């Protein structure tokens, strides 16, 4: 007894995955083009900023000029001091708060914990005017403490 099977037609695949891949590549090229232009402008003289000449001279003068325009070493030191202070202060405050939430029988502990979680959903930009007003009243304008203090109690 012989068995015969029905003829199998070749499976037709949808063109959708190819279209998605093409769209992803197109978006990637569009996204990377400004970055390539920024690199081109950074390593060529200003005269070649809009002229794409493959034989244009390469230079690092743009970097030395930018570095000389501002005291970047001081900026890095200020940033390091700010971030280190905020992280250490947050570590202490958050550790003590977590210990209190976990170990002490506080009435309304769940409500307080929910308030802490809700506070995480508030963007810092929303509070910038109020933070500025408070820092101004405390005399902390243009100080590292005034910049970092609002972030210390943030979870």
Foldseek 3Di string as FASTA:
>chain_A
DDDDDDDDDDDDDDCVVVVVVVVVVVVVCVVCVVVVLVVVCQQADPVCSPPDDVPGDGHNVSVVVVPVPDVVVVVVVLVVVLVVVLVVLLVVLVVVVVCCLVPPDDVCSVVVVVVLVVLQVDDVVVCPVVLVVVCVVVVNPPHSCSVRVVSSNRD
